[in-house]
Amino acid sequence: MTNEESKFDQLKGNVKETAGNAVGDKALENEGKQDKAAGKVKEAVENVKEKATDAIDKLKGDK
Protein backbone atom coordinates (compact mmCIF):
# COMPACT_ATOMS: atom_id res chain seq x y z
CA MET A 1 0.00 0.00 0.00
CA THR A 2 1.24 3.46 -0.80
CA ASN A 3 0.64 6.74 0.96
CA GLU A 4 -1.54 7.78 -1.97
CA GLU A 5 -3.81 4.79 -1.39
CA SER A 6 -4.11 5.50 2.32
CA LYS A 7 -4.84 9.16 1.60
CA PHE A 8 -7.53 8.05 -0.87
CA ASP A 9 -9.08 5.84 1.83
CA GLN A 10 -9.13 8.81 4.18
CA LEU A 11 -10.73 11.02 1.53
CA LYS A 12 -13.30 8.36 0.66
CA GLY A 13 -14.13 8.00 4.33
CA ASN A 14 -14.50 11.73 4.74
CA VAL A 15 -16.91 11.90 1.78
CA LYS A 16 -19.00 9.01 3.17
CA GLU A 17 -19.03 10.55 6.63
CA THR A 18 -20.09 13.94 5.29
CA ALA A 19 -22.76 12.45 3.02
CA GLY A 20 -24.12 10.29 5.81
CA ASN A 21 -24.24 13.27 8.12
CA ALA A 22 -25.97 15.42 5.48
CA VAL A 23 -28.75 12.91 4.80
CA GLY A 24 -29.05 11.59 8.34
CA ASP A 25 -27.71 8.12 7.48
CA LYS A 26 -25.83 7.06 10.60
CA ALA A 27 -24.67 3.77 9.03
CA LEU A 28 -23.02 5.61 6.12
CA GLU A 29 -21.55 8.18 8.49
CA ASN A 30 -20.07 5.44 10.67
CA GLU A 31 -18.74 3.58 7.62
CA GLY A 32 -17.02 6.78 6.58
CA LYS A 33 -15.46 7.18 10.00
CA GLN A 34 -14.18 3.59 9.81
CA ASP A 35 -12.72 4.11 6.32
CA LYS A 36 -11.02 7.30 7.44
CA ALA A 37 -9.54 5.62 10.50
CA ALA A 38 -8.34 2.65 8.44
CA GLY A 39 -6.64 5.02 6.01
CA LYS A 40 -4.84 6.75 8.87
CA VAL A 41 -3.65 3.43 10.29
CA LYS A 42 -2.40 2.30 6.87
CA GLU A 43 -0.54 5.59 6.46
CA ALA A 44 1.10 5.21 9.87
CA VAL A 45 2.17 1.64 9.09
CA GLU A 46 3.64 2.75 5.77
CA ASN A 47 5.59 5.53 7.51
CA VAL A 48 7.01 3.08 10.06
CA LYS A 49 8.03 0.69 7.26
CA GLU A 50 9.81 3.50 5.40
CA LYS A 51 11.69 4.60 8.52
CA ALA A 52 12.70 1.03 9.31
CA THR A 53 13.95 0.52 5.75
CA ASP A 54 15.94 3.77 5.93
CA ALA A 55 17.49 2.73 9.24
CA ILE A 56 18.45 -0.69 7.88
CA ASP A 57 19.96 0.89 4.77
CA LYS A 58 22.04 3.25 6.91
CA LEU A 59 23.30 0.36 9.03
CA LYS A 60 24.24 -1.56 5.91
CA GLY A 61 25.90 1.51 4.43
CA ASP A 62 23.60 1.67 1.39
CA LYS A 63 22.67 5.32 1.93
C-alpha atoms as a PDB file:
ATOM      1  CA  MET A   1       0.000   0.000   0.000  1.00  0.00           C
ATOM      2  CA  THR A   2       1.236   3.464  -0.795  1.00  0.00           C
ATOM      3  CA  ASN A   3       0.644   6.735   0.963  1.00  0.00           C
ATOM      4  CA  GLU A   4      -1.536   7.776  -1.971  1.00  0.00           C
ATOM      5  CA  GLU A   5      -3.815   4.792  -1.388  1.00  0.00           C
ATOM      6  CA  SER A   6      -4.107   5.497   2.316  1.00  0.00           C
ATOM      7  CA  LYS A   7      -4.844   9.159   1.602  1.00  0.00           C
ATOM      8  CA  PHE A   8      -7.533   8.050  -0.867  1.00  0.00           C
ATOM      9  CA  ASP A   9      -9.084   5.835   1.828  1.00  0.00           C
ATOM     10  CA  GLN A  10      -9.131   8.809   4.181  1.00  0.00           C
ATOM     11  CA  LEU A  11     -10.729  11.023   1.534  1.00  0.00           C
ATOM     12  CA  LYS A  12     -13.299   8.355   0.657  1.00  0.00           C
ATOM     13  CA  GLY A  13     -14.132   7.999   4.331  1.00  0.00           C
ATOM     14  CA  ASN A  14     -14.504  11.735   4.738  1.00  0.00           C
ATOM     15  CA  VAL A  15     -16.913  11.897   1.785  1.00  0.00           C
ATOM     16  CA  LYS A  16     -19.000   9.010   3.168  1.00  0.00           C
ATOM     17  CA  GLU A  17     -19.030  10.548   6.634  1.00  0.00           C
ATOM     18  CA  THR A  18     -20.087  13.945   5.294  1.00  0.00           C
ATOM     19  CA  ALA A  19     -22.757  12.454   3.022  1.00  0.00           C
ATOM     20  CA  GLY A  20     -24.122  10.291   5.813  1.00  0.00           C
ATOM     21  CA  ASN A  21     -24.241  13.271   8.121  1.00  0.00           C
ATOM     22  CA  ALA A  22     -25.967  15.417   5.478  1.00  0.00           C
ATOM     23  CA  VAL A  23     -28.748  12.905   4.798  1.00  0.00           C
ATOM     24  CA  GLY A  24     -29.047  11.587   8.335  1.00  0.00           C
ATOM     25  CA  ASP A  25     -27.706   8.116   7.478  1.00  0.00           C
ATOM     26  CA  LYS A  26     -25.834   7.064  10.604  1.00  0.00           C
ATOM     27  CA  ALA A  27     -24.672   3.773   9.033  1.00  0.00           C
ATOM     28  CA  LEU A  28     -23.019   5.614   6.118  1.00  0.00           C
ATOM     29  CA  GLU A  29     -21.553   8.184   8.493  1.00  0.00           C
ATOM     30  CA  ASN A  30     -20.074   5.440  10.674  1.00  0.00           C
ATOM     31  CA  GLU A  31     -18.741   3.579   7.622  1.00  0.00           C
ATOM     32  CA  GLY A  32     -17.018   6.782   6.577  1.00  0.00           C
ATOM     33  CA  LYS A  33     -15.458   7.178   9.997  1.00  0.00           C
ATOM     34  CA  GLN A  34     -14.179   3.593   9.814  1.00  0.00           C
ATOM     35  CA  ASP A  35     -12.723   4.111   6.323  1.00  0.00           C
ATOM     36  CA  LYS A  36     -11.022   7.301   7.444  1.00  0.00           C
ATOM     37  CA  ALA A  37      -9.536   5.617  10.504  1.00  0.00           C
ATOM     38  CA  ALA A  38      -8.345   2.648   8.441  1.00  0.00           C
ATOM     39  CA  GLY A  39      -6.635   5.016   6.011  1.00  0.00           C
ATOM     40  CA  LYS A  40      -4.839   6.749   8.870  1.00  0.00           C
ATOM     41  CA  VAL A  41      -3.652   3.429  10.290  1.00  0.00           C
ATOM     42  CA  LYS A  42      -2.399   2.298   6.868  1.00  0.00           C
ATOM     43  CA  GLU A  43      -0.537   5.589   6.463  1.00  0.00           C
ATOM     44  CA  ALA A  44       1.099   5.207   9.873  1.00  0.00           C
ATOM     45  CA  VAL A  45       2.172   1.641   9.089  1.00  0.00           C
ATOM     46  CA  GLU A  46       3.642   2.746   5.767  1.00  0.00           C
ATOM     47  CA  ASN A  47       5.592   5.530   7.507  1.00  0.00           C
ATOM     48  CA  VAL A  48       7.013   3.081  10.056  1.00  0.00           C
ATOM     49  CA  LYS A  49       8.034   0.693   7.264  1.00  0.00           C
ATOM     50  CA  GLU A  50       9.808   3.502   5.402  1.00  0.00           C
ATOM     51  CA  LYS A  51      11.689   4.601   8.517  1.00  0.00           C
ATOM     52  CA  ALA A  52      12.701   1.028   9.308  1.00  0.00           C
ATOM     53  CA  THR A  53      13.955   0.522   5.754  1.00  0.00           C
ATOM     54  CA  ASP A  54      15.941   3.770   5.928  1.00  0.00           C
ATOM     55  CA  ALA A  55      17.494   2.726   9.245  1.00  0.00           C
ATOM     56  CA  ILE A  56      18.451  -0.690   7.875  1.00  0.00           C
ATOM     57  CA  ASP A  57      19.959   0.893   4.768  1.00  0.00           C
ATOM     58  CA  LYS A  58      22.038   3.254   6.913  1.00  0.00           C
ATOM     59  CA  LEU A  59      23.298   0.361   9.032  1.00  0.00           C
ATOM     60  CA  LYS A  60      24.238  -1.564   5.909  1.00  0.00           C
ATOM     61  CA  GLY A  61      25.897   1.511   4.426  1.00  0.00           C
ATOM     62  CA  ASP A  62      23.597   1.671   1.389  1.00  0.00           C
ATOM     63  CA  LYS A  63      22.674   5.323   1.927  1.00  0.00           C
END
